[in-house]
Amino acid sequence: RATLWRGLGGWCLVALTGWVTVWAFYGFRY
């Protein structure tokens, strides 16, 4: 279970970074 929770936490960081990267490549403009 420790591996699962550690992995899910890492995945959330990965998803958040991906989201920020998308905004960055579109100039942080909608």
PDB file of all heavy atoms in Angstrom:
ATOM      1  N   ARG A   1       0.820  -1.196   0.000  1.00  0.00           N
ATOM      2  CA  ARG A   1       0.000   0.000   0.000  1.00  0.00           C
ATOM      3  C   ARG A   1       0.862   1.257   0.000  1.00  0.00           C
ATOM      4  O   ARG A   1       0.494   2.281  -0.598  1.00  0.00           O
ATOM      5  CB  ARG A   1      -0.910   0.004   1.227  1.00  0.00           C
ATOM      6  CG  ARG A   1      -2.040  -1.012   1.167  1.00  0.00           C
ATOM      7  CD  ARG A   1      -2.990  -0.815   2.338  1.00  0.00           C
ATOM      8  NE  ARG A   1      -4.079  -1.773   2.271  1.00  0.00           N
ATOM      9  CZ  ARG A   1      -5.090  -1.818   3.151  1.00  0.00           C
ATOM     10  NH1 ARG A   1      -5.098  -0.952   4.163  1.00  0.00           N
ATOM     11  NH2 ARG A   1      -6.041  -2.715   3.027  1.00  0.00           N
ATOM     12  N   ALA A   2       1.988   1.178   0.672  1.00  0.00           N
ATOM     13  CA  ALA A   2       2.893   2.327   0.691  1.00  0.00           C
ATOM     14  C   ALA A   2       3.346   2.682  -0.723  1.00  0.00           C
ATOM     15  O   ALA A   2       3.420   3.859  -1.096  1.00  0.00           O
ATOM     16  CB  ALA A   2       4.096   2.030   1.578  1.00  0.00           C
ATOM     17  N   THR A   3       3.653   1.648  -1.502  1.00  0.00           N
ATOM     18  CA  THR A   3       4.041   1.882  -2.895  1.00  0.00           C
ATOM     19  C   THR A   3       2.904   2.531  -3.673  1.00  0.00           C
ATOM     20  O   THR A   3       3.118   3.423  -4.502  1.00  0.00           O
ATOM     21  CB  THR A   3       4.455   0.563  -3.560  1.00  0.00           C
ATOM     22  OG1 THR A   3       5.586   0.019  -2.862  1.00  0.00           O
ATOM     23  CG2 THR A   3       4.827   0.769  -5.014  1.00  0.00           C
ATOM     24  N   LEU A   4       1.683   2.074  -3.408  1.00  0.00           N
ATOM     25  CA  LEU A   4       0.520   2.637  -4.102  1.00  0.00           C
ATOM     26  C   LEU A   4       0.354   4.114  -3.777  1.00  0.00           C
ATOM     27  O   LEU A   4       0.207   4.946  -4.676  1.00  0.00           O
ATOM     28  CB  LEU A   4      -0.729   1.855  -3.715  1.00  0.00           C
ATOM     29  CG  LEU A   4      -2.049   2.390  -4.302  1.00  0.00           C
ATOM     30  CD1 LEU A   4      -2.015   2.329  -5.820  1.00  0.00           C
ATOM     31  CD2 LEU A   4      -3.234   1.611  -3.743  1.00  0.00           C
ATOM     32  N   TRP A   5       0.361   4.468  -2.493  1.00  0.00           N
ATOM     33  CA  TRP A   5       0.144   5.861  -2.110  1.00  0.00           C
ATOM     34  C   TRP A   5       1.292   6.755  -2.570  1.00  0.00           C
ATOM     35  O   TRP A   5       1.068   7.900  -3.002  1.00  0.00           O
ATOM     36  CB  TRP A   5      -0.037   5.964  -0.594  1.00  0.00           C
ATOM     37  CG  TRP A   5      -1.336   5.375  -0.129  1.00  0.00           C
ATOM     38  CD1 TRP A   5      -1.508   4.307   0.691  1.00  0.00           C
ATOM     39  CD2 TRP A   5      -2.645   5.818  -0.501  1.00  0.00           C
ATOM     40  NE1 TRP A   5      -2.843   4.038   0.866  1.00  0.00           N
ATOM     41  CE2 TRP A   5      -3.572   4.965   0.148  1.00  0.00           C
ATOM     42  CE3 TRP A   5      -3.137   6.846  -1.303  1.00  0.00           C
ATOM     43  CZ2 TRP A   5      -4.938   5.100   0.019  1.00  0.00           C
ATOM     44  CZ3 TRP A   5      -4.511   6.989  -1.438  1.00  0.00           C
ATOM     45  CH2 TRP A   5      -5.397   6.136  -0.786  1.00  0.00           C
ATOM     46  N   ARG A   6       2.501   6.241  -2.511  1.00  0.00           N
ATOM     47  CA  ARG A   6       3.641   7.014  -3.003  1.00  0.00           C
ATOM     48  C   ARG A   6       3.515   7.232  -4.515  1.00  0.00           C
ATOM     49  O   ARG A   6       3.759   8.327  -5.021  1.00  0.00           O
ATOM     50  CB  ARG A   6       4.941   6.290  -2.675  1.00  0.00           C
ATOM     51  CG  ARG A   6       6.190   7.080  -3.067  1.00  0.00           C
ATOM     52  CD  ARG A   6       7.452   6.494  -2.445  1.00  0.00           C
ATOM     53  NE  ARG A   6       7.567   5.077  -2.717  1.00  0.00           N
ATOM     54  CZ  ARG A   6       7.595   4.123  -1.786  1.00  0.00           C
ATOM     55  NH1 ARG A   6       7.518   4.449  -0.506  1.00  0.00           N
ATOM     56  NH2 ARG A   6       7.700   2.841  -2.108  1.00  0.00           N
ATOM     57  N   GLY A   7       3.109   6.185  -5.224  1.00  0.00           N
ATOM     58  CA  GLY A   7       2.934   6.300  -6.666  1.00  0.00           C
ATOM     59  C   GLY A   7       1.815   7.258  -7.038  1.00  0.00           C
ATOM     60  O   GLY A   7       1.943   8.050  -7.983  1.00  0.00           O
ATOM     61  N   LEU A   8       0.698   7.206  -6.316  1.00  0.00           N
ATOM     62  CA  LEU A   8      -0.416   8.109  -6.611  1.00  0.00           C
ATOM     63  C   LEU A   8      -0.029   9.558  -6.340  1.00  0.00           C
ATOM     64  O   LEU A   8      -0.415  10.464  -7.090  1.00  0.00           O
ATOM     65  CB  LEU A   8      -1.637   7.721  -5.774  1.00  0.00           C
ATOM     66  CG  LEU A   8      -2.314   6.398  -6.153  1.00  0.00           C
ATOM     67  CD1 LEU A   8      -3.443   6.081  -5.186  1.00  0.00           C
ATOM     68  CD2 LEU A   8      -2.835   6.449  -7.590  1.00  0.00           C
ATOM     69  N   GLY A   9       0.743   9.762  -5.266  1.00  0.00           N
ATOM     70  CA  GLY A   9       1.222  11.116  -5.001  1.00  0.00           C
ATOM     71  C   GLY A   9       2.127  11.623  -6.106  1.00  0.00           C
ATOM     72  O   GLY A   9       2.014  12.774  -6.555  1.00  0.00           O
ATOM     73  N   GLY A  10       3.028  10.764  -6.571  1.00  0.00           N
ATOM     74  CA  GLY A  10       3.898  11.136  -7.682  1.00  0.00           C
ATOM     75  C   GLY A  10       3.106  11.403  -8.947  1.00  0.00           C
ATOM     76  O   GLY A  10       3.397  12.350  -9.696  1.00  0.00           O
ATOM     77  N   TRP A  11       2.076  10.580  -9.181  1.00  0.00           N
ATOM     78  CA  TRP A  11       1.247  10.768 -10.379  1.00  0.00           C
ATOM     79  C   TRP A  11       0.541  12.110 -10.338  1.00  0.00           C
ATOM     80  O   TRP A  11       0.425  12.798 -11.370  1.00  0.00           O
ATOM     81  CB  TRP A  11       0.232   9.634 -10.491  1.00  0.00           C
ATOM     82  CG  TRP A  11      -0.593   9.699 -11.743  1.00  0.00           C
ATOM     83  CD1 TRP A  11      -0.288   9.164 -12.953  1.00  0.00           C
ATOM     84  CD2 TRP A  11      -1.853  10.364 -11.916  1.00  0.00           C
ATOM     85  NE1 TRP A  11      -1.280   9.445 -13.877  1.00  0.00           N
ATOM     86  CE2 TRP A  11      -2.254  10.191 -13.249  1.00  0.00           C
ATOM     87  CE3 TRP A  11      -2.678  11.087 -11.060  1.00  0.00           C
ATOM     88  CZ2 TRP A  11      -3.441  10.700 -13.746  1.00  0.00           C
ATOM     89  CZ3 TRP A  11      -3.867  11.619 -11.558  1.00  0.00           C
ATOM     90  CH2 TRP A  11      -4.236  11.428 -12.884  1.00  0.00           C
ATOM     91  N   CYS A  12       0.048  12.520  -9.194  1.00  0.00           N
ATOM     92  CA  CYS A  12      -0.620  13.820  -9.070  1.00  0.00           C
ATOM     93  C   CYS A  12       0.347  14.953  -9.408  1.00  0.00           C
ATOM     94  O   CYS A  12      -0.019  15.926 -10.086  1.00  0.00           O
ATOM     95  CB  CYS A  12      -1.182  13.995  -7.660  1.00  0.00           C
ATOM     96  SG  CYS A  12      -2.599  12.922  -7.312  1.00  0.00           S
ATOM     97  N   LEU A  13       1.589  14.833  -8.948  1.00  0.00           N
ATOM     98  CA  LEU A  13       2.588  15.840  -9.285  1.00  0.00           C
ATOM     99  C   LEU A  13       2.846  15.868 -10.788  1.00  0.00           C
ATOM    100  O   LEU A  13       2.966  16.940 -11.400  1.00  0.00           O
ATOM    101  CB  LEU A  13       3.886  15.563  -8.533  1.00  0.00           C
ATOM    102  CG  LEU A  13       5.068  16.489  -8.880  1.00  0.00           C
ATOM    103  CD1 LEU A  13       4.747  17.928  -8.495  1.00  0.00           C
ATOM    104  CD2 LEU A  13       6.340  16.019  -8.196  1.00  0.00           C
ATOM    105  N   VAL A  14       2.920  14.690 -11.387  1.00  0.00           N
ATOM    106  CA  VAL A  14       3.139  14.591 -12.831  1.00  0.00           C
ATOM    107  C   VAL A  14       1.985  15.253 -13.588  1.00  0.00           C
ATOM    108  O   VAL A  14       2.199  16.029 -14.531  1.00  0.00           O
ATOM    109  CB  VAL A  14       3.277  13.112 -13.239  1.00  0.00           C
ATOM    110  CG1 VAL A  14       3.161  12.958 -14.753  1.00  0.00           C
ATOM    111  CG2 VAL A  14       4.617  12.556 -12.762  1.00  0.00           C
ATOM    112  N   ALA A  15       0.742  14.952 -13.188  1.00  0.00           N
ATOM    113  CA  ALA A  15      -0.420  15.527 -13.865  1.00  0.00           C
ATOM    114  C   ALA A  15      -0.454  17.039 -13.714  1.00  0.00           C
ATOM    115  O   ALA A  15      -0.747  17.772 -14.676  1.00  0.00           O
ATOM    116  CB  ALA A  15      -1.702  14.908 -13.307  1.00  0.00           C
ATOM    117  N   LEU A  16      -0.130  17.531 -12.521  1.00  0.00           N
ATOM    118  CA  LEU A  16      -0.118  18.977 -12.291  1.00  0.00           C
ATOM    119  C   LEU A  16       0.953  19.652 -13.143  1.00  0.00           C
ATOM    120  O   LEU A  16       0.710  20.705 -13.757  1.00  0.00           O
ATOM    121  CB  LEU A  16       0.130  19.257 -10.805  1.00  0.00           C
ATOM    122  CG  LEU A  16       0.224  20.735 -10.408  1.00  0.00           C
ATOM    123  CD1 LEU A  16      -1.093  21.454 -10.691  1.00  0.00           C
ATOM    124  CD2 LEU A  16       0.606  20.860  -8.934  1.00  0.00           C
ATOM    125  N   THR A  17       2.133  19.042 -13.217  1.00  0.00           N
ATOM    126  CA  THR A  17       3.203  19.607 -14.047  1.00  0.00           C
ATOM    127  C   THR A  17       2.807  19.615 -15.514  1.00  0.00           C
ATOM    128  O   THR A  17       3.089  20.576 -16.246  1.00  0.00           O
ATOM    129  CB  THR A  17       4.504  18.804 -13.849  1.00  0.00           C
ATOM    130  OG1 THR A  17       4.831  18.758 -12.464  1.00  0.00           O
ATOM    131  CG2 THR A  17       5.649  19.420 -14.635  1.00  0.00           C
ATOM    132  N   GLY A  18       2.154  18.553 -15.943  1.00  0.00           N
ATOM    133  CA  GLY A  18       1.684  18.507 -17.320  1.00  0.00           C
ATOM    134  C   GLY A  18       0.698  19.617 -17.626  1.00  0.00           C
ATOM    135  O   GLY A  18       0.768  20.258 -18.688  1.00  0.00           O
ATOM    136  N   TRP A  19      -0.212  19.862 -16.698  1.00  0.00           N
ATOM    137  CA  TRP A  19      -1.207  20.921 -16.868  1.00  0.00           C
ATOM    138  C   TRP A  19      -0.534  22.283 -16.972  1.00  0.00           C
ATOM    139  O   TRP A  19      -0.859  23.097 -17.851  1.00  0.00           O
ATOM    140  CB  TRP A  19      -2.174  20.860 -15.690  1.00  0.00           C
ATOM    141  CG  TRP A  19      -3.228  21.923 -15.673  1.00  0.00           C
ATOM    142  CD1 TRP A  19      -4.300  22.038 -16.512  1.00  0.00           C
ATOM    143  CD2 TRP A  19      -3.309  23.028 -14.761  1.00  0.00           C
ATOM    144  NE1 TRP A  19      -5.046  23.140 -16.172  1.00  0.00           N
ATOM    145  CE2 TRP A  19      -4.463  23.767 -15.109  1.00  0.00           C
ATOM    146  CE3 TRP A  19      -2.527  23.443 -13.683  1.00  0.00           C
ATOM    147  CZ2 TRP A  19      -4.848  24.909 -14.414  1.00  0.00           C
ATOM    148  CZ3 TRP A  19      -2.907  24.586 -12.985  1.00  0.00           C
ATOM    149  CH2 TRP A  19      -4.052  25.298 -13.351  1.00  0.00           C
ATOM    150  N   VAL A  20       0.415  22.547 -16.097  1.00  0.00           N
ATOM    151  CA  VAL A  20       1.140  23.819 -16.128  1.00  0.00           C
ATOM    152  C   VAL A  20       1.938  23.955 -17.431  1.00  0.00           C
ATOM    153  O   VAL A  20       2.001  25.035 -18.036  1.00  0.00           O
ATOM    154  CB  VAL A  20       2.072  23.944 -14.907  1.00  0.00           C
ATOM    155  CG1 VAL A  20       2.965  25.182 -15.030  1.00  0.00           C
ATOM    156  CG2 VAL A  20       1.260  23.993 -13.620  1.00  0.00           C
ATOM    157  N   THR A  21       2.527  22.849 -17.900  1.00  0.00           N
ATOM    158  CA  THR A  21       3.314  22.880 -19.137  1.00  0.00           C
ATOM    159  C   THR A  21       2.441  23.234 -20.329  1.00  0.00           C
ATOM    160  O   THR A  21       2.850  23.997 -21.217  1.00  0.00           O
ATOM    161  CB  THR A  21       4.008  21.528 -19.364  1.00  0.00           C
ATOM    162  OG1 THR A  21       4.799  21.193 -18.227  1.00  0.00           O
ATOM    163  CG2 THR A  21       4.895  21.583 -20.601  1.00  0.00           C
ATOM    164  N   VAL A  22       1.234  22.686 -20.370  1.00  0.00           N
ATOM    165  CA  VAL A  22       0.312  23.026 -21.452  1.00  0.00           C
ATOM    166  C   VAL A  22       0.041  24.529 -21.459  1.00  0.00           C
ATOM    167  O   VAL A  22       0.121  25.194 -22.508  1.00  0.00           O
ATOM    168  CB  VAL A  22      -0.997  22.225 -21.315  1.00  0.00           C
ATOM    169  CG1 VAL A  22      -2.051  22.757 -22.291  1.00  0.00           C
ATOM    170  CG2 VAL A  22      -0.756  20.743 -21.576  1.00  0.00           C
ATOM    171  N   TRP A  23      -0.274  25.086 -20.296  1.00  0.00           N
ATOM    172  CA  TRP A  23      -0.517  26.527 -20.227  1.00  0.00           C
ATOM    173  C   TRP A  23       0.716  27.322 -20.644  1.00  0.00           C
ATOM    174  O   TRP A  23       0.617  28.355 -21.323  1.00  0.00           O
ATOM    175  CB  TRP A  23      -0.942  26.908 -18.805  1.00  0.00           C
ATOM    176  CG  TRP A  23      -2.407  26.710 -18.558  1.00  0.00           C
ATOM    177  CD1 TRP A  23      -3.003  25.704 -17.854  1.00  0.00           C
ATOM    178  CD2 TRP A  23      -3.477  27.540 -19.025  1.00  0.00           C
ATOM    179  NE1 TRP A  23      -4.366  25.851 -17.851  1.00  0.00           N
ATOM    180  CE2 TRP A  23      -4.683  26.985 -18.570  1.00  0.00           C
ATOM    181  CE3 TRP A  23      -3.525  28.707 -19.782  1.00  0.00           C
ATOM    182  CZ2 TRP A  23      -5.932  27.539 -18.840  1.00  0.00           C
ATOM    183  CZ3 TRP A  23      -4.768  29.277 -20.062  1.00  0.00           C
ATOM    184  CH2 TRP A  23      -5.950  28.693 -19.586  1.00  0.00           C
ATOM    185  N   ALA A  24       1.888  26.839 -20.248  1.00  0.00           N
ATOM    186  CA  ALA A  24       3.117  27.554 -20.591  1.00  0.00           C
ATOM    187  C   ALA A  24       3.316  27.603 -22.101  1.00  0.00           C
ATOM    188  O   ALA A  24       3.704  28.650 -22.654  1.00  0.00           O
ATOM    189  CB  ALA A  24       4.311  26.886 -19.915  1.00  0.00           C
ATOM    190  N   PHE A  25       3.072  26.508 -22.792  1.00  0.00           N
ATOM    191  CA  PHE A  25       3.289  26.475 -24.235  1.00  0.00           C
ATOM    192  C   PHE A  25       2.231  27.263 -25.000  1.00  0.00           C
ATOM    193  O   PHE A  25       2.426  27.581 -26.172  1.00  0.00           O
ATOM    194  CB  PHE A  25       3.354  25.028 -24.728  1.00  0.00           C
ATOM    195  CG  PHE A  25       4.741  24.466 -24.722  1.00  0.00           C
ATOM    196  CD1 PHE A  25       5.292  23.944 -23.574  1.00  0.00           C
ATOM    197  CD2 PHE A  25       5.510  24.489 -25.872  1.00  0.00           C
ATOM    198  CE1 PHE A  25       6.580  23.436 -23.558  1.00  0.00           C
ATOM    199  CE2 PHE A  25       6.797  23.994 -25.877  1.00  0.00           C
ATOM    200  CZ  PHE A  25       7.339  23.465 -24.719  1.00  0.00           C
ATOM    201  N   TYR A  26       1.110  27.578 -24.356  1.00  0.00           N
ATOM    202  CA  TYR A  26       0.107  28.443 -24.967  1.00  0.00           C
ATOM    203  C   TYR A  26       0.178  29.858 -24.396  1.00  0.00           C
ATOM    204  O   TYR A  26      -0.774  30.633 -24.504  1.00  0.00           O
ATOM    205  CB  TYR A  26      -1.288  27.850 -24.779  1.00  0.00           C
ATOM    206  CG  TYR A  26      -1.560  26.688 -25.703  1.00  0.00           C
ATOM    207  CD1 TYR A  26      -1.195  25.397 -25.349  1.00  0.00           C
ATOM    208  CD2 TYR A  26      -2.154  26.869 -26.952  1.00  0.00           C
ATOM    209  CE1 TYR A  26      -1.429  24.313 -26.189  1.00  0.00           C
ATOM    210  CE2 TYR A  26      -2.399  25.807 -27.799  1.00  0.00           C
ATOM    211  CZ  TYR A  26      -2.031  24.533 -27.415  1.00  0.00           C
ATOM    212  OH  TYR A  26      -2.263  23.465 -28.257  1.00  0.00           O
ATOM    213  N   GLY A  27       1.322  30.182 -23.791  1.00  0.00           N
ATOM    214  CA  GLY A  27       1.566  31.536 -23.335  1.00  0.00           C
ATOM    215  C   GLY A  27       0.762  31.964 -22.134  1.00  0.00           C
ATOM    216  O   GLY A  27       0.580  33.174 -21.911  1.00  0.00           O
ATOM    217  N   PHE A  28       0.278  31.004 -21.333  1.00  0.00           N
ATOM    218  CA  PHE A  28      -0.551  31.305 -20.161  1.00  0.00           C
ATOM    219  C   PHE A  28      -1.701  32.253 -20.539  1.00  0.00           C
ATOM    220  O   PHE A  28      -2.049  33.173 -19.797  1.00  0.00           O
ATOM    221  CB  PHE A  28       0.292  31.905 -19.028  1.00  0.00           C
ATOM    222  CG  PHE A  28       1.247  30.922 -18.422  1.00  0.00           C
ATOM    223  CD1 PHE A  28       2.599  30.983 -18.725  1.00  0.00           C
ATOM    224  CD2 PHE A  28       0.797  29.920 -17.579  1.00  0.00           C
ATOM    225  CE1 PHE A  28       3.488  30.069 -18.175  1.00  0.00           C
ATOM    226  CE2 PHE A  28       1.682  29.002 -17.027  1.00  0.00           C
ATOM    227  CZ  PHE A  28       3.025  29.070 -17.330  1.00  0.00           C
ATOM    228  N   ARG A  29      -2.275  31.988 -21.708  1.00  0.00           N
ATOM    229  CA  ARG A  29      -3.383  32.814 -22.198  1.00  0.00           C
ATOM    230  C   ARG A  29      -4.488  31.897 -22.700  1.00  0.00           C
ATOM    231  O   ARG A  29      -4.228  30.977 -23.471  1.00  0.00           O
ATOM    232  CB  ARG A  29      -2.885  33.712 -23.331  1.00  0.00           C
ATOM    233  CG  ARG A  29      -3.916  34.713 -23.842  1.00  0.00           C
ATOM    234  CD  ARG A  29      -3.341  35.487 -25.029  1.00  0.00           C
ATOM    235  NE  ARG A  29      -3.132  34.628 -26.183  1.00  0.00           N
ATOM    236  CZ  ARG A  29      -2.366  34.936 -27.229  1.00  0.00           C
ATOM    237  NH1 ARG A  29      -1.700  36.085 -27.238  1.00  0.00           N
ATOM    238  NH2 ARG A  29      -2.234  34.109 -28.237  1.00  0.00           N
ATOM    239  N   TYR A  30      -5.690  32.141 -22.260  1.00  0.00           N
ATOM    240  CA  TYR A  30      -6.809  31.298 -22.701  1.00  0.00           C
ATOM    241  C   TYR A  30      -7.129  31.512 -24.173  1.00  0.00           C
ATOM    242  O   TYR A  30      -7.320  30.560 -24.923  1.00  0.00           O
ATOM    243  CB  TYR A  30      -8.051  31.576 -21.854  1.00  0.00           C
ATOM    244  CG  TYR A  30      -9.260  30.778 -22.320  1.00  0.00           C
ATOM    245  CD1 TYR A  30      -9.361  29.415 -22.048  1.00  0.00           C
ATOM    246  CD2 TYR A  30     -10.269  31.385 -23.061  1.00  0.00           C
ATOM    247  CE1 TYR A  30     -10.451  28.678 -22.492  1.00  0.00           C
ATOM    248  CE2 TYR A  30     -11.363  30.653 -23.507  1.00  0.00           C
ATOM    249  CZ  TYR A  30     -11.443  29.304 -23.224  1.00  0.00           C
ATOM    250  OH  TYR A  30     -12.523  28.564 -23.675  1.00  0.00           O
TER     251      TYR A  30
END
